[in-house]
């Protein structure tokens, strides 16, 4: 592959290629954890499949409120692999700003952690019931083996 064709390579193929070539090398690291290229490919593929099984469709939005963590990178890649669109949310946002981002994006699912969940839960009942169900189901998705919230 030339540099030009690599840039046009679909994300799952690119992740598989990096996993094959770089395997146990660190892909991303934060203060709490690190993930190798092989783990990144496996985890994002598994999570993308789970998102699709929950009903996330091509082009739908998934909000990501995880800060600067390995799980944020995994979430963005998994959403992209699922054919959806990631909506990064800043953990320093006010409740009103978070509500606006959720409303404006039409996010069907939310990636978050326990520390931010308390801020988001009051906003979820304001959403239509179908979206609340998707969000509840997604919280369970983060607990799938290799899903990142283990």
C-alpha atoms as a PDB file:
ATOM      1  CA  UNK A   1       0.000   0.000   0.000  1.00  0.00           C
ATOM      2  CA  UNK A   2       1.215   3.458  -0.794  1.00  0.00           C
ATOM      3  CA  UNK A   3       0.696   6.410   1.515  1.00  0.00           C
ATOM      4  CA  UNK A   4      -2.154   7.592  -0.717  1.00  0.00           C
ATOM      5  CA  UNK A   5      -4.057   4.306  -0.715  1.00  0.00           C
ATOM      6  CA  UNK A   6      -3.586   3.917   3.058  1.00  0.00           C
ATOM      7  CA  UNK A   7      -5.322   7.254   3.558  1.00  0.00           C
ATOM      8  CA  UNK A   8      -8.307   5.907   1.600  1.00  0.00           C
ATOM      9  CA  UNK A   9      -8.423   2.605   3.458  1.00  0.00           C
ATOM     10  CA  UNK A  10     -11.645   1.911   5.418  1.00  0.00           C
ATOM     11  CA  UNK A  11     -11.150   2.313   9.170  1.00  0.00           C
ATOM     12  CA  UNK A  12     -11.689  -1.382  10.056  1.00  0.00           C
ATOM     13  CA  UNK A  13      -9.054  -2.386   7.491  1.00  0.00           C
ATOM     14  CA  UNK A  14      -6.649   0.237   8.785  1.00  0.00           C
ATOM     15  CA  UNK A  15      -7.135  -0.907  12.382  1.00  0.00           C
ATOM     16  CA  UNK A  16      -6.577  -4.548  11.359  1.00  0.00           C
ATOM     17  CA  UNK A  17      -3.408  -3.585   9.488  1.00  0.00           C
ATOM     18  CA  UNK A  18      -2.057  -1.662  12.477  1.00  0.00           C
ATOM     19  CA  UNK A  19      -2.945  -4.580  14.768  1.00  0.00           C
ATOM     20  CA  UNK A  20      -1.073  -6.956  12.471  1.00  0.00           C
ATOM     21  CA  UNK A  21       1.997  -4.741  12.088  1.00  0.00           C
ATOM     22  CA  UNK A  22       2.203  -3.088  15.501  1.00  0.00           C
ATOM     23  CA  UNK A  23       0.375  -5.668  17.678  1.00  0.00           C
ATOM     24  CA  UNK A  24       1.620  -5.224  21.224  1.00  0.00           C
ATOM     25  CA  UNK A  25       2.855  -1.631  20.856  1.00  0.00           C
ATOM     26  CA  UNK A  26       0.906   0.990  22.765  1.00  0.00           C
ATOM     27  CA  UNK A  27      -1.688   2.735  20.610  1.00  0.00           C
ATOM     28  CA  UNK A  28      -3.091   5.056  23.304  1.00  0.00           C
ATOM     29  CA  UNK A  29      -2.379   5.647  26.963  1.00  0.00           C
ATOM     30  CA  UNK A  30      -3.776   7.821  29.725  1.00  0.00           C
ATOM     31  CA  UNK A  31      -3.160   8.083  33.467  1.00  0.00           C
ATOM     32  CA  UNK A  32      -5.330   5.032  34.185  1.00  0.00           C
ATOM     33  CA  UNK A  33      -4.814   2.610  31.316  1.00  0.00           C
ATOM     34  CA  UNK A  34      -3.211   1.826  28.015  1.00  0.00           C
ATOM     35  CA  UNK A  35      -4.328  -0.099  24.962  1.00  0.00           C
ATOM     36  CA  UNK A  36      -2.232  -1.861  22.335  1.00  0.00           C
ATOM     37  CA  UNK A  37      -2.989  -1.752  18.622  1.00  0.00           C
ATOM     38  CA  UNK A  38      -4.219  -5.357  18.765  1.00  0.00           C
ATOM     39  CA  UNK A  39      -6.489  -4.620  21.747  1.00  0.00           C
ATOM     40  CA  UNK A  40      -7.760  -1.452  20.077  1.00  0.00           C
ATOM     41  CA  UNK A  41      -8.800  -3.341  16.956  1.00  0.00           C
ATOM     42  CA  UNK A  42     -10.535  -6.084  18.960  1.00  0.00           C
ATOM     43  CA  UNK A  43     -12.259  -3.780  21.433  1.00  0.00           C
ATOM     44  CA  UNK A  44     -13.514  -1.264  18.869  1.00  0.00           C
ATOM     45  CA  UNK A  45     -14.760  -4.046  16.591  1.00  0.00           C
ATOM     46  CA  UNK A  46     -16.634  -5.701  19.450  1.00  0.00           C
ATOM     47  CA  UNK A  47     -18.134  -2.429  20.630  1.00  0.00           C
ATOM     48  CA  UNK A  48     -19.110  -1.394  17.082  1.00  0.00           C
ATOM     49  CA  UNK A  49     -20.899  -4.712  16.628  1.00  0.00           C
ATOM     50  CA  UNK A  50     -22.721  -4.228  19.912  1.00  0.00           C
ATOM     51  CA  UNK A  51     -23.815  -0.721  18.936  1.00  0.00           C
ATOM     52  CA  UNK A  52     -25.260  -2.072  15.691  1.00  0.00           C
ATOM     53  CA  UNK A  53     -27.032  -4.869  17.613  1.00  0.00           C
ATOM     54  CA  UNK A  54     -28.590  -2.189  19.841  1.00  0.00           C
ATOM     55  CA  UNK A  55     -30.031  -0.560  16.739  1.00  0.00           C
ATOM     56  CA  UNK A  56     -27.585   2.282  16.076  1.00  0.00           C
ATOM     57  CA  UNK A  57     -27.873   2.871  12.338  1.00  0.00           C
ATOM     58  CA  UNK A  58     -25.621   4.353   9.700  1.00  0.00           C
ATOM     59  CA  UNK A  59     -25.377   8.140  10.089  1.00  0.00           C
ATOM     60  CA  UNK A  60     -27.018   8.299  13.526  1.00  0.00           C
ATOM     61  CA  UNK A  61     -25.257  10.206  16.286  1.00  0.00           C
ATOM     62  CA  UNK A  62     -23.532   8.929  19.432  1.00  0.00           C
ATOM     63  CA  UNK A  63     -22.513  11.469  22.077  1.00  0.00           C
ATOM     64  CA  UNK A  64     -19.197  10.859  23.837  1.00  0.00           C
ATOM     65  CA  UNK A  65     -18.620  12.372  27.279  1.00  0.00           C
ATOM     66  CA  UNK A  66     -15.468  10.686  28.563  1.00  0.00           C
ATOM     67  CA  UNK A  67     -12.762  13.333  28.792  1.00  0.00           C
ATOM     68  CA  UNK A  68      -9.195  12.599  27.709  1.00  0.00           C
ATOM     69  CA  UNK A  69      -9.174   8.859  28.216  1.00  0.00           C
ATOM     70  CA  UNK A  70      -8.400   5.711  26.291  1.00  0.00           C
ATOM     71  CA  UNK A  71     -12.130   4.901  26.360  1.00  0.00           C
ATOM     72  CA  UNK A  72     -12.877   8.148  24.513  1.00  0.00           C
ATOM     73  CA  UNK A  73     -10.610   7.104  21.645  1.00  0.00           C
ATOM     74  CA  UNK A  74     -12.114   3.598  21.628  1.00  0.00           C
ATOM     75  CA  UNK A  75     -15.609   5.076  21.590  1.00  0.00           C
ATOM     76  CA  UNK A  76     -14.916   7.402  18.643  1.00  0.00           C
ATOM     77  CA  UNK A  77     -13.378   4.554  16.646  1.00  0.00           C
ATOM     78  CA  UNK A  78     -16.186   2.120  17.524  1.00  0.00           C
ATOM     79  CA  UNK A  79     -18.869   4.642  16.539  1.00  0.00           C
ATOM     80  CA  UNK A  80     -17.082   5.249  13.234  1.00  0.00           C
ATOM     81  CA  UNK A  81     -16.725   1.504  12.625  1.00  0.00           C
ATOM     82  CA  UNK A  82     -20.465   1.144  13.233  1.00  0.00           C
ATOM     83  CA  UNK A  83     -21.097   3.738  10.509  1.00  0.00           C
ATOM     84  CA  UNK A  84     -22.427   6.316  12.955  1.00  0.00           C
ATOM     85  CA  UNK A  85     -21.204   9.824  13.791  1.00  0.00           C
ATOM     86  CA  UNK A  86     -19.425  10.628  17.052  1.00  0.00           C
ATOM     87  CA  UNK A  87     -20.371  13.798  18.920  1.00  0.00           C
ATOM     88  CA  UNK A  88     -17.584  14.696  21.379  1.00  0.00           C
ATOM     89  CA  UNK A  89     -18.825  16.489  24.491  1.00  0.00           C
ATOM     90  CA  UNK A  90     -16.564  18.474  26.818  1.00  0.00           C
ATOM     91  CA  UNK A  91     -16.725  17.326  30.448  1.00  0.00           C
ATOM     92  CA  UNK A  92     -16.313  20.975  31.468  1.00  0.00           C
ATOM     93  CA  UNK A  93     -19.587  21.906  29.730  1.00  0.00           C
ATOM     94  CA  UNK A  94     -22.453  23.240  31.804  1.00  0.00           C
ATOM     95  CA  UNK A  95     -25.644  21.227  32.128  1.00  0.00           C
ATOM     96  CA  UNK A  96     -27.346  23.643  29.727  1.00  0.00           C
ATOM     97  CA  UNK A  97     -24.558  23.159  27.173  1.00  0.00           C
ATOM     98  CA  UNK A  98     -24.791  19.367  27.483  1.00  0.00           C
ATOM     99  CA  UNK A  99     -28.569  19.543  27.002  1.00  0.00           C
ATOM    100  CA  UNK A 100     -28.071  21.696  23.899  1.00  0.00           C
ATOM    101  CA  UNK A 101     -25.497  19.277  22.457  1.00  0.00           C
ATOM    102  CA  UNK A 102     -27.830  16.323  23.025  1.00  0.00           C
ATOM    103  CA  UNK A 103     -30.775  18.159  21.477  1.00  0.00           C
ATOM    104  CA  UNK A 104     -28.845  19.618  18.562  1.00  0.00           C
ATOM    105  CA  UNK A 105     -27.048  16.395  17.662  1.00  0.00           C
ATOM    106  CA  UNK A 106     -30.027  14.090  18.117  1.00  0.00           C
ATOM    107  CA  UNK A 107     -27.657  11.560  19.689  1.00  0.00           C
ATOM    108  CA  UNK A 108     -29.235   8.107  19.983  1.00  0.00           C
ATOM    109  CA  UNK A 109     -26.682   6.800  22.472  1.00  0.00           C
ATOM    110  CA  UNK A 110     -24.296   8.309  24.989  1.00  0.00           C
ATOM    111  CA  UNK A 111     -20.836   7.099  25.964  1.00  0.00           C
ATOM    112  CA  UNK A 112     -20.016   8.250  29.472  1.00  0.00           C
ATOM    113  CA  UNK A 113     -18.566   7.141  32.782  1.00  0.00           C
ATOM    114  CA  UNK A 114     -19.944   7.027  36.305  1.00  0.00           C
ATOM    115  CA  UNK A 115     -18.605  10.455  37.211  1.00  0.00           C
ATOM    116  CA  UNK A 116     -20.534  12.115  34.352  1.00  0.00           C
ATOM    117  CA  UNK A 117     -23.598   9.902  34.417  1.00  0.00           C
ATOM    118  CA  UNK A 118     -25.149  11.882  37.271  1.00  0.00           C
ATOM    119  CA  UNK A 119     -24.995  15.043  35.161  1.00  0.00           C
ATOM    120  CA  UNK A 120     -26.614  13.362  32.155  1.00  0.00           C
ATOM    121  CA  UNK A 121     -29.391  11.353  33.794  1.00  0.00           C
ATOM    122  CA  UNK A 122     -31.529  14.407  34.586  1.00  0.00           C
ATOM    123  CA  UNK A 123     -31.326  15.364  30.898  1.00  0.00           C
ATOM    124  CA  UNK A 124     -32.406  11.992  29.546  1.00  0.00           C
ATOM    125  CA  UNK A 125     -36.057  12.010  30.694  1.00  0.00           C
ATOM    126  CA  UNK A 126     -36.559  15.090  28.531  1.00  0.00           C
ATOM    127  CA  UNK A 127     -35.759  12.985  25.453  1.00  0.00           C
ATOM    128  CA  UNK A 128     -38.338  10.844  23.634  1.00  0.00           C
ATOM    129  CA  UNK A 129     -38.727   7.331  25.144  1.00  0.00           C
ATOM    130  CA  UNK A 130     -37.018   5.553  22.232  1.00  0.00           C
ATOM    131  CA  UNK A 131     -33.864   7.540  22.852  1.00  0.00           C
ATOM    132  CA  UNK A 132     -33.949   6.888  26.597  1.00  0.00           C
ATOM    133  CA  UNK A 133     -34.117   3.160  25.884  1.00  0.00           C
ATOM    134  CA  UNK A 134     -31.148   3.326  23.544  1.00  0.00           C
ATOM    135  CA  UNK A 135     -29.148   5.173  26.167  1.00  0.00           C
ATOM    136  CA  UNK A 136     -29.989   2.640  28.877  1.00  0.00           C
ATOM    137  CA  UNK A 137     -29.029  -0.169  26.536  1.00  0.00           C
ATOM    138  CA  UNK A 138     -25.793   1.558  25.709  1.00  0.00           C
ATOM    139  CA  UNK A 139     -24.719   1.832  29.335  1.00  0.00           C
ATOM    140  CA  UNK A 140     -24.884  -1.948  29.318  1.00  0.00           C
ATOM    141  CA  UNK A 141     -22.855  -1.960  26.095  1.00  0.00           C
ATOM    142  CA  UNK A 142     -19.887  -0.385  27.867  1.00  0.00           C
ATOM    143  CA  UNK A 143     -19.781  -3.439  30.115  1.00  0.00           C
ATOM    144  CA  UNK A 144     -19.337  -5.999  27.355  1.00  0.00           C
ATOM    145  CA  UNK A 145     -16.062  -7.905  27.641  1.00  0.00           C
ATOM    146  CA  UNK A 146     -13.406  -5.732  26.101  1.00  0.00           C
ATOM    147  CA  UNK A 147     -15.841  -2.802  26.019  1.00  0.00           C
ATOM    148  CA  UNK A 148     -13.679  -0.538  28.131  1.00  0.00           C
ATOM    149  CA  UNK A 149     -15.586  -0.068  31.409  1.00  0.00           C
ATOM    150  CA  UNK A 150     -14.215  -3.155  33.108  1.00  0.00           C
END
